[in-house]
């Protein structure tokens, strides 16, 4: 059904096209209507409104009577079924040898009477807003962090790896291994990372999950003192913290990750120190054009990528028949989004560490 204003606009556009020399049928086809439809719209010299909503329609023959609707409401409001949804009520009535209406009719009647709310003592589902989007266009603008388990010497014993990553460069800017989860230990690590990176009182965002170490009073006070903006994932939504999750996966899939666990805390710390050194200084990260996080963090990636682009240009000039299209993109990776909103139009983050 097309509204009258839209009909008027379509008619005006077609008339302009015809005046410019187009055939009426072709102009109508562009708007997905037929020439016959246009004549019906403009019958009498004026654009006619759609008459279909005004046509009297007979009552459906299978419509429930007032008594039947009352019986449905009585059943739904009875003591036996007051806390159950229609999807539970209808089968239970069938087991009792009673059929009042279909399940969809139950829902429709309850909705019409303003009774289609959550039924039962359980709390209704809560629709939570996605976390705020942040863009990192340089180092030390947006960090994410999380805690993961590291297997200990015996089953059921774990060490806890605290890890902070800069999403712009993917550099590990802070890490520590402890024997417990604590907001105080996390606050100490954040303070050390900020001082090491020299970004005190700069507009830094720190994103984390909703665990108690992330939202403890000590952690919040520390971030306030350091001028850090706190950002949190939705409860039980790991996709809201993709950079830390991807980093943990890379960490635990390293060939030298001990399958039988770490014997001591010192062993775990030594392993993470070696991993962080390799990850920051040797690992070519796929999301930042295969340069190291250290190079991207220090701004040295541009020279490396320019050298690669020059090499590819020379190779193409020497053997143009080998190239069917453009050379590989060696332009520096642009800004990085954390949980981009749909209306922003930023690409979806798929971080492959």
Protein backbone atom coordinates (compact mmCIF):
# COMPACT_ATOMS: atom_id res chain seq x y z
CA UNK A 1 0.00 0.00 0.00
CA UNK A 2 1.43 3.35 -1.09
CA UNK A 3 0.49 6.49 0.82
CA UNK A 4 -1.04 9.49 -0.96
CA UNK A 5 2.09 11.72 -0.56
CA UNK A 6 4.22 8.97 -2.09
CA UNK A 7 1.74 8.60 -4.94
CA UNK A 8 1.91 12.32 -5.59
CA UNK A 9 5.71 12.27 -5.62
CA UNK A 10 5.82 9.30 -7.98
CA UNK A 11 3.30 10.92 -10.33
CA UNK A 12 5.29 14.17 -10.39
CA UNK A 13 8.53 12.33 -11.19
CA UNK A 14 6.89 10.40 -14.03
CA UNK A 15 5.39 13.56 -15.51
CA UNK A 16 8.81 15.24 -15.44
CA UNK A 17 10.38 12.22 -17.16
CA UNK A 18 7.68 12.20 -19.87
CA UNK A 19 8.10 15.94 -20.42
CA UNK A 20 11.82 15.33 -20.91
CA UNK A 21 11.09 12.81 -23.67
CA UNK A 22 10.83 9.47 -21.84
CA UNK A 23 8.13 6.94 -22.57
CA UNK A 24 5.46 6.77 -19.88
CA UNK A 25 5.63 2.99 -19.57
CA UNK A 26 9.41 3.06 -19.16
CA UNK A 27 9.20 5.82 -16.55
CA UNK A 28 6.60 3.82 -14.60
CA UNK A 29 8.78 0.69 -14.75
CA UNK A 30 11.63 2.55 -13.07
CA UNK A 31 9.35 3.04 -10.03
CA UNK A 32 8.10 -0.57 -10.22
CA UNK A 33 4.53 0.37 -11.17
CA UNK A 34 2.60 -0.16 -14.39
CA UNK A 35 1.10 2.43 -16.73
CA UNK A 36 -2.32 1.09 -15.78
CA UNK A 37 -1.63 1.69 -12.08
CA UNK A 38 -0.65 5.28 -12.85
CA UNK A 39 -3.92 5.86 -14.74
CA UNK A 40 -5.88 4.49 -11.81
CA UNK A 41 -4.03 6.78 -9.39
CA UNK A 42 -4.72 9.89 -11.49
CA UNK A 43 -8.31 9.10 -12.42
CA UNK A 44 -10.31 12.33 -12.55
CA UNK A 45 -7.22 14.50 -13.01
CA UNK A 46 -6.08 14.31 -9.40
CA UNK A 47 -4.07 11.76 -7.42
CA UNK A 48 -6.57 9.52 -5.66
CA UNK A 49 -5.92 8.14 -2.15
CA UNK A 50 -5.84 4.40 -1.59
CA UNK A 51 -9.41 3.24 -0.94
CA UNK A 52 -8.54 -0.23 0.37
CA UNK A 53 -8.37 0.76 4.06
CA UNK A 54 -11.86 2.28 3.75
CA UNK A 55 -13.55 -0.80 2.31
CA UNK A 56 -15.90 -2.43 4.86
CA UNK A 57 -14.74 -5.92 5.70
CA UNK A 58 -16.91 -8.69 7.12
CA UNK A 59 -16.12 -10.16 10.49
CA UNK A 60 -14.07 -13.37 10.28
CA UNK A 61 -16.31 -16.42 10.53
CA UNK A 62 -13.87 -18.11 12.92
CA UNK A 63 -13.64 -15.18 15.34
CA UNK A 64 -13.99 -16.13 19.00
CA UNK A 65 -17.19 -15.06 20.66
CA UNK A 66 -17.15 -12.81 23.76
CA UNK A 67 -17.94 -15.87 25.90
CA UNK A 68 -15.01 -17.81 24.43
CA UNK A 69 -12.64 -14.89 24.97
CA UNK A 70 -13.85 -14.60 28.57
CA UNK A 71 -13.15 -18.32 29.06
CA UNK A 72 -9.58 -17.84 27.82
CA UNK A 73 -9.01 -14.93 30.21
CA UNK A 74 -10.55 -16.87 33.08
CA UNK A 75 -8.19 -19.78 32.46
CA UNK A 76 -5.12 -17.53 32.19
CA UNK A 77 -6.01 -15.71 35.42
CA UNK A 78 -6.89 -18.82 37.39
CA UNK A 79 -4.74 -19.83 40.36
CA UNK A 80 -3.47 -22.87 38.47
CA UNK A 81 -2.22 -20.97 35.41
CA UNK A 82 -1.63 -17.43 36.69
CA UNK A 83 2.17 -17.81 36.58
CA UNK A 84 2.38 -19.70 33.27
CA UNK A 85 2.64 -18.43 29.69
CA UNK A 86 0.18 -19.61 27.01
CA UNK A 87 2.83 -21.99 25.66
CA UNK A 88 2.46 -23.91 28.95
CA UNK A 89 -1.24 -23.33 29.52
CA UNK A 90 -2.50 -24.73 26.20
CA UNK A 91 -0.79 -28.16 26.56
CA UNK A 92 -1.91 -28.46 30.19
CA UNK A 93 -5.50 -27.72 29.16
CA UNK A 94 -5.19 -30.34 26.44
CA UNK A 95 -4.07 -32.89 29.06
CA UNK A 96 -7.24 -32.05 30.97
CA UNK A 97 -9.34 -32.66 27.88
CA UNK A 98 -10.11 -28.97 27.36
CA UNK A 99 -9.62 -26.89 24.21
CA UNK A 100 -10.44 -23.20 24.44
CA UNK A 101 -8.39 -21.67 21.61
CA UNK A 102 -5.04 -21.90 19.90
CA UNK A 103 -1.85 -20.73 21.57
CA UNK A 104 -1.63 -17.73 19.24
CA UNK A 105 -5.22 -16.78 20.17
CA UNK A 106 -4.28 -16.92 23.85
CA UNK A 107 -1.42 -14.51 23.22
CA UNK A 108 -3.61 -12.25 21.09
CA UNK A 109 -6.35 -12.04 23.73
CA UNK A 110 -3.89 -11.35 26.54
CA UNK A 111 -2.25 -8.63 24.45
CA UNK A 112 -5.61 -7.01 23.69
CA UNK A 113 -6.47 -6.97 27.40
CA UNK A 114 -3.11 -5.52 28.44
CA UNK A 115 -2.10 -8.71 30.25
CA UNK A 116 0.76 -9.83 27.97
CA UNK A 117 3.55 -9.28 30.49
CA UNK A 118 6.13 -11.56 32.03
CA UNK A 119 4.31 -14.20 34.06
CA UNK A 120 5.88 -15.89 37.07
CA UNK A 121 8.25 -14.92 39.87
CA UNK A 122 11.39 -15.03 37.75
CA UNK A 123 12.75 -11.66 36.77
CA UNK A 124 11.96 -10.76 33.15
CA UNK A 125 14.88 -10.55 30.72
CA UNK A 126 16.74 -7.24 30.80
CA UNK A 127 17.69 -5.65 27.50
CA UNK A 128 21.08 -4.12 28.03
CA UNK A 129 22.54 -1.44 25.81
CA UNK A 130 25.76 -2.28 23.97
CA UNK A 131 28.87 -0.67 25.47
CA UNK A 132 29.93 2.76 24.26
CA UNK A 133 31.99 2.80 21.07
CA UNK A 134 35.50 4.19 21.19
CA UNK A 135 37.96 4.88 18.37
CA UNK A 136 41.72 4.66 18.77
CA UNK A 137 43.65 6.68 16.18
CA UNK A 138 46.95 6.64 18.07
CA UNK A 139 48.67 4.66 20.86
CA UNK A 140 47.54 5.08 24.46
CA UNK A 141 43.98 6.12 23.60
CA UNK A 142 42.03 2.89 24.20
CA UNK A 143 43.25 -0.09 26.24
CA UNK A 144 41.45 -3.31 27.10
CA UNK A 145 42.34 -5.77 29.81
CA UNK A 146 41.18 -9.04 31.30
CA UNK A 147 42.24 -11.91 33.56
CA UNK A 148 42.65 -15.52 32.44
CA UNK A 149 43.56 -18.75 34.18
CA UNK A 150 46.95 -20.42 33.83
CA UNK A 151 47.04 -24.10 34.91
CA UNK A 152 49.02 -24.83 38.04
CA UNK A 153 51.02 -27.88 39.08
CA UNK A 154 47.94 -29.90 40.08
CA UNK A 155 44.41 -30.14 38.71
CA UNK A 156 42.16 -27.42 40.12
CA UNK A 157 45.01 -25.05 40.99
CA UNK A 158 45.49 -21.96 38.84
CA UNK A 159 47.57 -18.85 38.49
CA UNK A 160 45.93 -15.68 37.15
CA UNK A 161 47.34 -13.72 34.23
CA UNK A 162 46.47 -10.01 34.20
CA UNK A 163 47.01 -8.61 30.69
CA UNK A 164 46.51 -5.10 29.25
CA UNK A 165 46.63 -4.47 25.48
CA UNK A 166 46.56 -1.24 23.46
CA UNK A 167 43.97 -1.83 20.71
CA UNK A 168 45.60 0.61 18.27
CA UNK A 169 48.96 -1.13 18.14
CA UNK A 170 48.00 -4.47 19.78
CA UNK A 171 50.99 -3.98 22.09
CA UNK A 172 50.95 -5.64 25.50
CA UNK A 173 51.45 -2.58 27.71
CA UNK A 174 51.15 -4.36 31.05
CA UNK A 175 51.01 -7.85 32.48
CA UNK A 176 51.43 -9.70 35.75
CA UNK A 177 50.83 -13.18 37.17
CA UNK A 178 49.21 -13.56 40.58
CA UNK A 179 47.75 -16.33 42.69
CA UNK A 180 44.36 -14.65 43.10
CA UNK A 181 42.00 -12.16 41.47
CA UNK A 182 41.96 -8.80 43.19
CA UNK A 183 40.97 -5.23 42.40
CA UNK A 184 43.99 -4.01 44.38
CA UNK A 185 46.41 -6.06 42.26
CA UNK A 186 44.68 -4.90 39.08
CA UNK A 187 44.90 -1.25 40.17
CA UNK A 188 48.65 -1.63 40.78
CA UNK A 189 49.15 -3.08 37.30
CA UNK A 190 47.17 -0.29 35.63
CA UNK A 191 49.17 2.34 37.52
CA UNK A 192 52.45 0.71 36.44
CA UNK A 193 51.34 0.48 32.79
CA UNK A 194 50.27 4.14 32.68
CA UNK A 195 53.57 5.29 34.16
CA UNK A 196 55.58 3.04 31.82
CA UNK A 197 53.78 4.39 28.75
CA UNK A 198 53.93 7.98 29.94
CA UNK A 199 50.22 8.65 29.46
CA UNK A 200 49.36 10.00 32.89
CA UNK A 201 46.31 12.29 32.86
CA UNK A 202 45.86 11.79 29.12
CA UNK A 203 42.37 10.94 27.76
CA UNK A 204 42.73 7.17 28.05
CA UNK A 205 39.87 4.65 27.93
CA UNK A 206 40.24 1.33 29.74
CA UNK A 207 37.73 -1.35 28.77
CA UNK A 208 37.14 -4.49 30.83
CA UNK A 209 34.60 -7.15 31.68
CA UNK A 210 32.16 -6.94 34.57
CA UNK A 211 34.11 -9.02 37.08
CA UNK A 212 34.70 -7.85 40.65
CA UNK A 213 38.43 -7.07 40.08
CA UNK A 214 37.41 -4.78 37.20
CA UNK A 215 34.77 -2.88 39.17
CA UNK A 216 36.24 -2.93 42.68
CA UNK A 217 36.43 0.30 44.66
CA UNK A 218 40.23 0.39 44.60
CA UNK A 219 40.27 -0.01 40.83
CA UNK A 220 37.71 2.74 40.29
CA UNK A 221 39.55 5.18 42.57
CA UNK A 222 42.84 4.47 40.80
CA UNK A 223 41.34 5.13 37.39
CA UNK A 224 39.79 8.38 38.59
CA UNK A 225 43.13 9.57 39.91
CA UNK A 226 44.85 8.69 36.64
CA UNK A 227 42.15 10.38 34.53
CA UNK A 228 41.09 7.10 32.89
CA UNK A 229 37.59 6.64 31.46
CA UNK A 230 36.09 3.28 32.47
CA UNK A 231 34.27 1.13 29.92
CA UNK A 232 32.63 -2.23 30.61
CA UNK A 233 31.25 -5.15 28.63
CA UNK A 234 27.71 -6.36 29.00
CA UNK A 235 27.35 -9.18 31.55
CA UNK A 236 28.38 -12.55 30.08
CA UNK A 237 29.06 -11.10 26.60
CA UNK A 238 32.66 -11.95 25.72
CA UNK A 239 32.33 -10.37 22.26
CA UNK A 240 32.37 -6.94 23.88
CA UNK A 241 36.05 -7.44 24.75
CA UNK A 242 37.39 -9.00 21.52
CA UNK A 243 40.98 -7.75 21.67
CA UNK A 244 41.77 -9.30 25.04
CA UNK A 245 39.98 -12.54 24.13
CA UNK A 246 41.96 -12.82 20.87
CA UNK A 247 45.21 -12.15 22.72
CA UNK A 248 44.48 -14.88 25.28
CA UNK A 249 43.82 -17.34 22.48
CA UNK A 250 47.16 -16.50 20.84
CA UNK A 251 48.85 -16.88 24.20
CA UNK A 252 47.41 -20.30 25.01
CA UNK A 253 48.00 -21.72 21.53
CA UNK A 254 51.74 -21.02 21.51
CA UNK A 255 53.74 -24.23 20.86
CA UNK A 256 55.62 -23.92 24.17
CA UNK A 257 52.45 -23.47 26.30
CA UNK A 258 52.86 -26.19 28.98
CA UNK A 259 49.97 -28.64 28.71
CA UNK A 260 50.70 -30.02 32.18
CA UNK A 261 50.65 -26.62 33.83
CA UNK A 262 53.21 -24.36 35.45
CA UNK A 263 55.10 -25.73 38.44
CA UNK A 264 55.43 -22.39 40.24
CA UNK A 265 54.34 -18.79 39.97
CA UNK A 266 57.89 -17.86 38.98
CA UNK A 267 57.73 -20.31 36.06
CA UNK A 268 54.46 -18.76 34.91
CA UNK A 269 55.92 -15.26 35.12
CA UNK A 270 59.01 -16.27 33.15
CA UNK A 271 56.85 -17.81 30.42
CA UNK A 272 54.61 -14.73 30.11
CA UNK A 273 57.68 -12.46 30.01
CA UNK A 274 59.04 -14.47 27.08
CA UNK A 275 55.64 -14.47 25.35
CA UNK A 276 55.16 -10.70 25.74
CA UNK A 277 58.65 -10.06 24.35
CA UNK A 278 57.94 -12.26 21.31
CA UNK A 279 54.44 -10.87 20.78
CA UNK A 280 55.45 -7.22 20.96
CA UNK A 281 58.78 -7.41 19.17
CA UNK A 282 58.65 -10.34 16.72
CA UNK A 283 55.05 -11.31 15.98
CA UNK A 284 53.72 -9.87 12.71
CA UNK A 285 50.09 -9.06 13.51
CA UNK A 286 47.60 -9.67 10.70
CA UNK A 287 45.24 -6.84 11.75
CA UNK A 288 47.94 -4.15 11.44
CA UNK A 289 49.36 -5.10 8.02
CA UNK A 290 51.75 -7.71 9.43
CA UNK A 291 54.02 -5.41 11.38
CA UNK A 292 55.00 -5.91 15.01
CA UNK A 293 52.99 -4.21 17.77
CA UNK A 294 56.16 -2.45 18.94
CA UNK A 295 56.69 -0.96 15.48
CA UNK A 296 53.08 0.21 15.20
CA UNK A 297 53.19 1.62 18.74
CA UNK A 298 56.33 3.63 18.01
CA UNK A 299 55.18 4.79 14.56
CA UNK A 300 57.91 2.80 12.78
CA UNK A 301 55.43 0.74 10.77
CA UNK A 302 55.05 3.40 8.07
CA UNK A 303 58.65 3.05 6.92
CA UNK A 304 58.37 -0.73 6.82
CA UNK A 305 55.12 -0.65 4.86
CA UNK A 306 56.45 1.98 2.45
CA UNK A 307 59.46 -0.25 1.77
CA UNK A 308 57.18 -3.21 1.07
CA UNK A 309 55.00 -1.13 -1.27
CA UNK A 310 58.09 0.05 -3.17
CA UNK A 311 59.33 -3.52 -3.50
CA UNK A 312 56.01 -4.70 -4.89
CA UNK A 313 55.87 -1.77 -7.35
CA UNK A 314 59.33 -2.68 -8.66
CA UNK A 315 58.39 -6.35 -8.95
CA UNK A 316 55.24 -5.48 -10.88
CA UNK A 317 57.15 -3.19 -13.23
CA UNK A 318 59.65 -5.96 -13.96
CA UNK A 319 57.01 -8.64 -14.59
CA UNK A 320 53.67 -6.93 -15.34
CA UNK A 321 52.21 -10.11 -16.85
CA UNK A 322 52.17 -11.74 -13.41
CA UNK A 323 49.78 -9.13 -11.99
CA UNK A 324 46.12 -9.29 -12.88
CA UNK A 325 45.05 -6.45 -10.56
CA UNK A 326 46.41 -4.15 -7.91
CA UNK A 327 49.39 -5.00 -5.77
CA UNK A 328 48.95 -5.98 -2.14
CA UNK A 329 47.73 -3.22 0.15
CA UNK A 330 50.68 -2.07 2.24
CA UNK A 331 49.08 1.16 3.45
CA UNK A 332 49.24 1.66 7.23
CA UNK A 333 46.20 0.33 9.06
CA UNK A 334 43.79 3.10 10.02
CA UNK A 335 41.96 3.84 13.27
CA UNK A 336 40.67 0.95 15.34
CA UNK A 337 37.15 0.76 16.79
CA UNK A 338 36.14 -0.87 20.03
CA UNK A 339 32.55 -2.16 19.77
CA UNK A 340 31.55 0.05 16.83
CA UNK A 341 27.89 1.04 16.69
CA UNK A 342 25.86 0.23 13.58
CA UNK A 343 25.02 3.83 12.76
CA UNK A 344 28.67 4.88 12.82
CA UNK A 345 29.34 2.77 9.78
CA UNK A 346 32.66 1.46 11.04
CA UNK A 347 33.64 -2.07 9.98
CA UNK A 348 32.97 -4.97 12.26
CA UNK A 349 35.99 -5.92 14.32
CA UNK A 350 37.39 -9.35 13.55
CA UNK A 351 40.66 -9.37 15.43
CA UNK A 352 42.99 -12.19 14.41
CA UNK A 353 45.98 -12.00 16.70
